[in-house]
Amino acid sequence: MTYDYTPRGVCSRAIQFELEDGIIRSVSFRGGCDGNLQGISRLVAGMPVEEAVRRLEGIRCGGKPTSCPDQLARALKEQM
């Protein structure tokens, strides 16, 4: 199933991801640091949701209290 999430407090404007049986099938970000976000998307593809959340949750970007990876973790947690 495909989900859309609107991140808050980061440069990216939207996150779209596809989950199947607790596994991340794909992730795409709109806006943000393109190369870094493509890398994150490829790294989490095929990963169990719980593992991705464990690895990404709490990452900060500069002085911000969140980051694009942290926002992805929050989006995934909403769907768990």
PDB file of N, CA and C in Angstrom:
ATOM      1  N   MET A   1       0.841  -1.177   0.000  1.00  0.00           N
ATOM      2  CA  MET A   1       0.000   0.000   0.000  1.00  0.00           C
ATOM      3  C   MET A   1       0.885   1.239   0.000  1.00  0.00           C
ATOM      4  N   THR A   2       0.464   2.277  -0.702  1.00  0.00           N
ATOM      5  CA  THR A   2       1.223   3.521  -0.812  1.00  0.00           C
ATOM      6  C   THR A   2       0.667   4.566   0.152  1.00  0.00           C
ATOM      7  N   TYR A   3       1.589   5.280   0.815  1.00  0.00           N
ATOM      8  CA  TYR A   3       1.210   6.297   1.794  1.00  0.00           C
ATOM      9  C   TYR A   3       1.890   7.616   1.450  1.00  0.00           C
ATOM     10  N   ASP A   4       1.230   8.713   1.790  1.00  0.00           N
ATOM     11  CA  ASP A   4       1.783  10.054   1.633  1.00  0.00           C
ATOM     12  C   ASP A   4       1.898  10.689   3.006  1.00  0.00           C
ATOM     13  N   TYR A   5       2.986  11.413   3.223  1.00  0.00           N
ATOM     14  CA  TYR A   5       3.226  12.063   4.507  1.00  0.00           C
ATOM     15  C   TYR A   5       3.774  13.456   4.235  1.00  0.00           C
ATOM     16  N   THR A   6       3.289  14.434   4.978  1.00  0.00           N
ATOM     17  CA  THR A   6       3.789  15.799   4.874  1.00  0.00           C
ATOM     18  C   THR A   6       4.727  16.057   6.044  1.00  0.00           C
ATOM     19  N   PRO A   7       6.037  16.126   5.770  1.00  0.00           N
ATOM     20  CA  PRO A   7       6.999  16.346   6.855  1.00  0.00           C
ATOM     21  C   PRO A   7       6.912  17.763   7.397  1.00  0.00           C
ATOM     22  N   ARG A   8       7.364  17.922   8.630  1.00  0.00           N
ATOM     23  CA  ARG A   8       7.345  19.219   9.303  1.00  0.00           C
ATOM     24  C   ARG A   8       8.746  19.561   9.802  1.00  0.00           C
ATOM     25  N   GLY A   9       9.145  20.812   9.611  1.00  0.00           N
ATOM     26  CA  GLY A   9      10.412  21.294  10.143  1.00  0.00           C
ATOM     27  C   GLY A   9      11.646  20.915   9.347  1.00  0.00           C
ATOM     28  N   VAL A  10      11.457  20.462   8.096  1.00  0.00           N
ATOM     29  CA  VAL A  10      12.588  20.064   7.249  1.00  0.00           C
ATOM     30  C   VAL A  10      12.426  20.662   5.855  1.00  0.00           C
ATOM     31  N   CYS A  11      13.432  20.470   5.014  1.00  0.00           N
ATOM     32  CA  CYS A  11      13.401  21.032   3.664  1.00  0.00           C
ATOM     33  C   CYS A  11      12.480  20.269   2.719  1.00  0.00           C
ATOM     34  N   SER A  12      12.376  18.956   2.885  1.00  0.00           N
ATOM     35  CA  SER A  12      11.510  18.196   1.977  1.00  0.00           C
ATOM     36  C   SER A  12      10.050  18.564   2.228  1.00  0.00           C
ATOM     37  N   ARG A  13       9.266  18.524   1.156  1.00  0.00           N
ATOM     38  CA  ARG A  13       7.859  18.939   1.238  1.00  0.00           C
ATOM     39  C   ARG A  13       6.891  17.763   1.294  1.00  0.00           C
ATOM     40  N   ALA A  14       7.354  16.588   0.879  1.00  0.00           N
ATOM     41  CA  ALA A  14       6.470  15.417   0.874  1.00  0.00           C
ATOM     42  C   ALA A  14       7.306  14.143   0.880  1.00  0.00           C
ATOM     43  N   ILE A  15       6.751  13.107   1.505  1.00  0.00           N
ATOM     44  CA  ILE A  15       7.353  11.778   1.489  1.00  0.00           C
ATOM     45  C   ILE A  15       6.269  10.812   1.042  1.00  0.00           C
ATOM     46  N   GLN A  16       6.604   9.986   0.062  1.00  0.00           N
ATOM     47  CA  GLN A  16       5.686   8.939  -0.379  1.00  0.00           C
ATOM     48  C   GLN A  16       6.416   7.609  -0.214  1.00  0.00           C
ATOM     49  N   PHE A  17       5.738   6.629   0.374  1.00  0.00           N
ATOM     50  CA  PHE A  17       6.381   5.340   0.567  1.00  0.00           C
ATOM     51  C   PHE A  17       5.388   4.217   0.375  1.00  0.00           C
ATOM     52  N   GLU A  18       5.920   3.069  -0.001  1.00  0.00           N
ATOM     53  CA  GLU A  18       5.092   1.885  -0.232  1.00  0.00           C
ATOM     54  C   GLU A  18       5.528   0.794   0.735  1.00  0.00           C
ATOM     55  N   LEU A  19       4.550   0.222   1.449  1.00  0.00           N
ATOM     56  CA  LEU A  19       4.799  -0.860   2.397  1.00  0.00           C
ATOM     57  C   LEU A  19       4.049  -2.106   1.952  1.00  0.00           C
ATOM     58  N   GLU A  20       4.678  -3.245   2.185  1.00  0.00           N
ATOM     59  CA  GLU A  20       4.029  -4.527   1.896  1.00  0.00           C
ATOM     60  C   GLU A  20       4.453  -5.521   2.971  1.00  0.00           C
ATOM     61  N   ASP A  21       3.502  -5.988   3.749  1.00  0.00           N
ATOM     62  CA  ASP A  21       3.764  -6.971   4.812  1.00  0.00           C
ATOM     63  C   ASP A  21       4.884  -6.541   5.754  1.00  0.00           C
ATOM     64  N   GLY A  22       4.876  -5.274   6.162  1.00  0.00           N
ATOM     65  CA  GLY A  22       5.861  -4.777   7.112  1.00  0.00           C
ATOM     66  C   GLY A  22       7.229  -4.484   6.517  1.00  0.00           C
ATOM     67  N   ILE A  23       7.349  -4.542   5.193  1.00  0.00           N
ATOM     68  CA  ILE A  23       8.609  -4.273   4.500  1.00  0.00           C
ATOM     69  C   ILE A  23       8.454  -3.009   3.655  1.00  0.00           C
ATOM     70  N   ILE A  24       9.483  -2.166   3.678  1.00  0.00           N
ATOM     71  CA  ILE A  24       9.473  -0.957   2.859  1.00  0.00           C
ATOM     72  C   ILE A  24       9.833  -1.357   1.431  1.00  0.00           C
ATOM     73  N   ARG A  25       8.942  -1.082   0.498  1.00  0.00           N
ATOM     74  CA  ARG A  25       9.196  -1.406  -0.911  1.00  0.00           C
ATOM     75  C   ARG A  25       9.819  -0.243  -1.654  1.00  0.00           C
ATOM     76  N   SER A  26       9.408   0.988  -1.337  1.00  0.00           N
ATOM     77  CA  SER A  26       9.985   2.161  -1.992  1.00  0.00           C
ATOM     78  C   SER A  26       9.724   3.398  -1.152  1.00  0.00           C
ATOM     79  N   VAL A  27      10.583   4.395  -1.328  1.00  0.00           N
ATOM     80  CA  VAL A  27      10.433   5.694  -0.657  1.00  0.00           C
ATOM     81  C   VAL A  27      10.864   6.764  -1.645  1.00  0.00           C
ATOM     82  N   SER A  28      10.112   7.861  -1.708  1.00  0.00           N
ATOM     83  CA  SER A  28      10.544   9.013  -2.497  1.00  0.00           C
ATOM     84  C   SER A  28      10.222  10.290  -1.727  1.00  0.00           C
ATOM     85  N   PHE A  29      11.128  11.227  -1.830  1.00  0.00           N
ATOM     86  CA  PHE A  29      10.989  12.534  -1.184  1.00  0.00           C
ATOM     87  C   PHE A  29      10.811  13.579  -2.264  1.00  0.00           C
ATOM     88  N   ARG A  30      10.034  14.603  -1.975  1.00  0.00           N
ATOM     89  CA  ARG A  30       9.920  15.759  -2.863  1.00  0.00           C
ATOM     90  C   ARG A  30      10.556  16.931  -2.129  1.00  0.00           C
ATOM     91  N   GLY A  31      11.550  17.545  -2.761  1.00  0.00           N
ATOM     92  CA  GLY A  31      12.286  18.625  -2.125  1.00  0.00           C
ATOM     93  C   GLY A  31      13.391  18.056  -1.246  1.00  0.00           C
ATOM     94  N   GLY A  32      14.151  18.944  -0.643  1.00  0.00           N
ATOM     95  CA  GLY A  32      15.233  18.503   0.234  1.00  0.00           C
ATOM     96  C   GLY A  32      16.524  18.268  -0.525  1.00  0.00           C
ATOM     97  N   CYS A  33      17.473  17.622   0.112  1.00  0.00           N
ATOM     98  CA  CYS A  33      18.801  17.337  -0.453  1.00  0.00           C
ATOM     99  C   CYS A  33      18.715  16.089  -1.309  1.00  0.00           C
ATOM    100  N   ASP A  34      18.564  16.272  -2.601  1.00  0.00           N
ATOM    101  CA  ASP A  34      18.237  15.193  -3.520  1.00  0.00           C
ATOM    102  C   ASP A  34      19.146  13.970  -3.406  1.00  0.00           C
ATOM    103  N   GLY A  35      20.452  14.158  -3.462  1.00  0.00           N
ATOM    104  CA  GLY A  35      21.373  13.020  -3.422  1.00  0.00           C
ATOM    105  C   GLY A  35      21.274  12.244  -2.120  1.00  0.00           C
ATOM    106  N   ASN A  36      21.258  12.956  -1.001  1.00  0.00           N
ATOM    107  CA  ASN A  36      21.160  12.289   0.305  1.00  0.00           C
ATOM    108  C   ASN A  36      19.842  11.532   0.444  1.00  0.00           C
ATOM    109  N   LEU A  37      18.760  12.129  -0.013  1.00  0.00           N
ATOM    110  CA  LEU A  37      17.458  11.493   0.131  1.00  0.00           C
ATOM    111  C   LEU A  37      17.296  10.308  -0.813  1.00  0.00           C
ATOM    112  N   GLN A  38      17.925  10.361  -1.986  1.00  0.00           N
ATOM    113  CA  GLN A  38      17.934   9.190  -2.857  1.00  0.00           C
ATOM    114  C   GLN A  38      18.699   8.052  -2.185  1.00  0.00           C
ATOM    115  N   GLY A  39      19.799   8.391  -1.534  1.00  0.00           N
ATOM    116  CA  GLY A  39      20.586   7.384  -0.829  1.00  0.00           C
ATOM    117  C   GLY A  39      19.796   6.735   0.293  1.00  0.00           C
ATOM    118  N   ILE A  40      19.120   7.535   1.090  1.00  0.00           N
ATOM    119  CA  ILE A  40      18.294   6.993   2.173  1.00  0.00           C
ATOM    120  C   ILE A  40      17.210   6.094   1.598  1.00  0.00           C
ATOM    121  N   SER A  41      16.569   6.550   0.531  1.00  0.00           N
ATOM    122  CA  SER A  41      15.491   5.781  -0.089  1.00  0.00           C
ATOM    123  C   SER A  41      15.985   4.410  -0.538  1.00  0.00           C
ATOM    124  N   ARG A  42      17.146   4.362  -1.144  1.00  0.00           N
ATOM    125  CA  ARG A  42      17.684   3.084  -1.618  1.00  0.00           C
ATOM    126  C   ARG A  42      18.124   2.190  -0.467  1.00  0.00           C
ATOM    127  N   LEU A  43      18.669   2.796   0.577  1.00  0.00           N
ATOM    128  CA  LEU A  43      19.137   2.005   1.711  1.00  0.00           C
ATOM    129  C   LEU A  43      17.993   1.332   2.470  1.00  0.00           C
ATOM    130  N   VAL A  44      16.852   2.009   2.583  1.00  0.00           N
ATOM    131  CA  VAL A  44      15.753   1.417   3.354  1.00  0.00           C
ATOM    132  C   VAL A  44      14.857   0.498   2.526  1.00  0.00           C
ATOM    133  N   ALA A  45      14.979   0.537   1.200  1.00  0.00           N
ATOM    134  CA  ALA A  45      14.165  -0.349   0.352  1.00  0.00           C
ATOM    135  C   ALA A  45      14.483  -1.800   0.699  1.00  0.00           C
ATOM    136  N   GLY A  46      13.450  -2.577   0.985  1.00  0.00           N
ATOM    137  CA  GLY A  46      13.599  -3.971   1.367  1.00  0.00           C
ATOM    138  C   GLY A  46      13.796  -4.192   2.860  1.00  0.00           C
ATOM    139  N   MET A  47      13.874  -3.110   3.619  1.00  0.00           N
ATOM    140  CA  MET A  47      14.119  -3.190   5.058  1.00  0.00           C
ATOM    141  C   MET A  47      12.793  -3.294   5.816  1.00  0.00           C
ATOM    142  N   PRO A  48      12.755  -4.075   6.895  1.00  0.00           N
ATOM    143  CA  PRO A  48      11.559  -4.083   7.737  1.00  0.00           C
ATOM    144  C   PRO A  48      11.317  -2.688   8.331  1.00  0.00           C
ATOM    145  N   VAL A  49      10.070  -2.317   8.446  1.00  0.00           N
ATOM    146  CA  VAL A  49       9.698  -0.995   8.964  1.00  0.00           C
ATOM    147  C   VAL A  49      10.332  -0.756  10.329  1.00  0.00           C
ATOM    148  N   GLU A  50      10.256  -1.728  11.229  1.00  0.00           N
ATOM    149  CA  GLU A  50      10.777  -1.554  12.587  1.00  0.00           C
ATOM    150  C   GLU A  50      12.271  -1.247  12.578  1.00  0.00           C
ATOM    151  N   GLU A  51      13.018  -1.897  11.704  1.00  0.00           N
ATOM    152  CA  GLU A  51      14.465  -1.665  11.613  1.00  0.00           C
ATOM    153  C   GLU A  51      14.755  -0.262  11.097  1.00  0.00           C
ATOM    154  N   ALA A  52      14.035   0.186  10.094  1.00  0.00           N
ATOM    155  CA  ALA A  52      14.235   1.532   9.559  1.00  0.00           C
ATOM    156  C   ALA A  52      13.921   2.574  10.625  1.00  0.00           C
ATOM    157  N   VAL A  53      12.831   2.394  11.354  1.00  0.00           N
ATOM    158  CA  VAL A  53      12.474   3.335  12.418  1.00  0.00           C
ATOM    159  C   VAL A  53      13.576   3.365  13.462  1.00  0.00           C
ATOM    160  N   ARG A  54      14.060   2.198  13.857  1.00  0.00           N
ATOM    161  CA  ARG A  54      15.112   2.119  14.875  1.00  0.00           C
ATOM    162  C   ARG A  54      16.363   2.877  14.433  1.00  0.00           C
ATOM    163  N   ARG A  55      16.720   2.774  13.173  1.00  0.00           N
ATOM    164  CA  ARG A  55      17.938   3.403  12.670  1.00  0.00           C
ATOM    165  C   ARG A  55      17.792   4.905  12.412  1.00  0.00           C
ATOM    166  N   LEU A  56      16.606   5.353  12.005  1.00  0.00           N
ATOM    167  CA  LEU A  56      16.422   6.735  11.563  1.00  0.00           C
ATOM    168  C   LEU A  56      15.855   7.672  12.622  1.00  0.00           C
ATOM    169  N   GLU A  57      15.113   7.127  13.567  1.00  0.00           N
ATOM    170  CA  GLU A  57      14.441   7.954  14.568  1.00  0.00           C
ATOM    171  C   GLU A  57      15.450   8.747  15.393  1.00  0.00           C
ATOM    172  N   GLY A  58      15.174  10.028  15.546  1.00  0.00           N
ATOM    173  CA  GLY A  58      15.993  10.881  16.400  1.00  0.00           C
ATOM    174  C   GLY A  58      17.158  11.570  15.704  1.00  0.00           C
ATOM    175  N   ILE A  59      17.383  11.292  14.414  1.00  0.00           N
ATOM    176  CA  ILE A  59      18.449  11.984  13.691  1.00  0.00           C
ATOM    177  C   ILE A  59      18.065  13.457  13.544  1.00  0.00           C
ATOM    178  N   ARG A  60      19.030  14.327  13.804  1.00  0.00           N
ATOM    179  CA  ARG A  60      18.784  15.766  13.710  1.00  0.00           C
ATOM    180  C   ARG A  60      19.562  16.350  12.550  1.00  0.00           C
ATOM    181  N   CYS A  61      19.076  17.456  12.018  1.00  0.00           N
ATOM    182  CA  CYS A  61      19.741  18.151  10.909  1.00  0.00           C
ATOM    183  C   CYS A  61      20.197  19.514  11.427  1.00  0.00           C
ATOM    184  N   GLY A  62      21.502  19.668  11.580  1.00  0.00           N
ATOM    185  CA  GLY A  62      22.020  20.935  12.108  1.00  0.00           C
ATOM    186  C   GLY A  62      21.416  21.218  13.471  1.00  0.00           C
ATOM    187  N   GLY A  63      20.886  22.411  13.652  1.00  0.00           N
ATOM    188  CA  GLY A  63      20.277  22.790  14.920  1.00  0.00           C
ATOM    189  C   GLY A  63      18.800  22.466  15.009  1.00  0.00           C
ATOM    190  N   LYS A  64      18.264  21.843  13.963  1.00  0.00           N
ATOM    191  CA  LYS A  64      16.831  21.507  13.963  1.00  0.00           C
ATOM    192  C   LYS A  64      16.577  20.307  14.874  1.00  0.00           C
ATOM    193  N   PRO A  65      15.402  20.229  15.467  1.00  0.00           N
ATOM    194  CA  PRO A  65      15.089  19.091  16.335  1.00  0.00           C
ATOM    195  C   PRO A  65      14.697  17.827  15.555  1.00  0.00           C
ATOM    196  N   THR A  66      14.720  17.889  14.229  1.00  0.00           N
ATOM    197  CA  THR A  66      14.327  16.755  13.398  1.00  0.00           C
ATOM    198  C   THR A  66      15.156  16.774  12.112  1.00  0.00           C
ATOM    199  N   SER A  67      14.899  15.832  11.225  1.00  0.00           N
ATOM    200  CA  SER A  67      15.591  15.742   9.937  1.00  0.00           C
ATOM    201  C   SER A  67      14.680  14.982   8.982  1.00  0.00           C
ATOM    202  N   CYS A  68      15.054  14.921   7.718  1.00  0.00           N
ATOM    203  CA  CYS A  68      14.265  14.129   6.765  1.00  0.00           C
ATOM    204  C   CYS A  68      14.233  12.645   7.153  1.00  0.00           C
ATOM    205  N   PRO A  69      15.371  12.037   7.568  1.00  0.00           N
ATOM    206  CA  PRO A  69      15.295  10.651   8.014  1.00  0.00           C
ATOM    207  C   PRO A  69      14.380  10.473   9.236  1.00  0.00           C
ATOM    208  N   ASP A  70      14.441  11.407  10.173  1.00  0.00           N
ATOM    209  CA  ASP A  70      13.576  11.340  11.348  1.00  0.00           C
ATOM    210  C   ASP A  70      12.109  11.475  10.943  1.00  0.00           C
ATOM    211  N   GLN A  71      11.821  12.342   9.989  1.00  0.00           N
ATOM    212  CA  GLN A  71      10.447  12.501   9.512  1.00  0.00           C
ATOM    213  C   GLN A  71       9.959  11.228   8.826  1.00  0.00           C
ATOM    214  N   LEU A  72      10.845  10.549   8.093  1.00  0.00           N
ATOM    215  CA  LEU A  72      10.471   9.264   7.503  1.00  0.00           C
ATOM    216  C   LEU A  72      10.156   8.257   8.596  1.00  0.00           C
ATOM    217  N   ALA A  73      10.953   8.223   9.642  1.00  0.00           N
ATOM    218  CA  ALA A  73      10.687   7.313  10.770  1.00  0.00           C
ATOM    219  C   ALA A  73       9.323   7.611  11.390  1.00  0.00           C
ATOM    220  N   ARG A  74       9.003   8.880  11.550  1.00  0.00           N
ATOM    221  CA  ARG A  74       7.695   9.253  12.118  1.00  0.00           C
ATOM    222  C   ARG A  74       6.563   8.806  11.201  1.00  0.00           C
ATOM    223  N   ALA A  75       6.758   8.977   9.895  1.00  0.00           N
ATOM    224  CA  ALA A  75       5.730   8.555   8.923  1.00  0.00           C
ATOM    225  C   ALA A  75       5.530   7.047   8.985  1.00  0.00           C
ATOM    226  N   LEU A  76       6.631   6.311   9.063  1.00  0.00           N
ATOM    227  CA  LEU A  76       6.534   4.845   9.132  1.00  0.00           C
ATOM    228  C   LEU A  76       5.858   4.391  10.421  1.00  0.00           C
ATOM    229  N   LYS A  77       6.179   5.054  11.532  1.00  0.00           N
ATOM    230  CA  LYS A  77       5.558   4.702  12.820  1.00  0.00           C
ATOM    231  C   LYS A  77       4.052   4.889  12.791  1.00  0.00           C
ATOM    232  N   GLU A  78       3.595   5.913  12.078  1.00  0.00           N
ATOM    233  CA  GLU A  78       2.145   6.143  11.962  1.00  0.00           C
ATOM    234  C   GLU A  78       1.445   4.977  11.286  1.00  0.00           C
ATOM    235  N   GLN A  79       2.166   4.257  10.432  1.00  0.00           N
ATOM    236  CA  GLN A  79       1.547   3.170   9.670  1.00  0.00           C
ATOM    237  C   GLN A  79       1.769   1.790  10.310  1.00  0.00           C
ATOM    238  N   MET A  80       2.546   1.734  11.373  1.00  0.00           N
ATOM    239  CA  MET A  80       2.813   0.454  12.045  1.00  0.00           C
ATOM    240  C   MET A  80       1.592  -0.054  12.788  1.00  0.00           C
TER     241      MET A  80
END
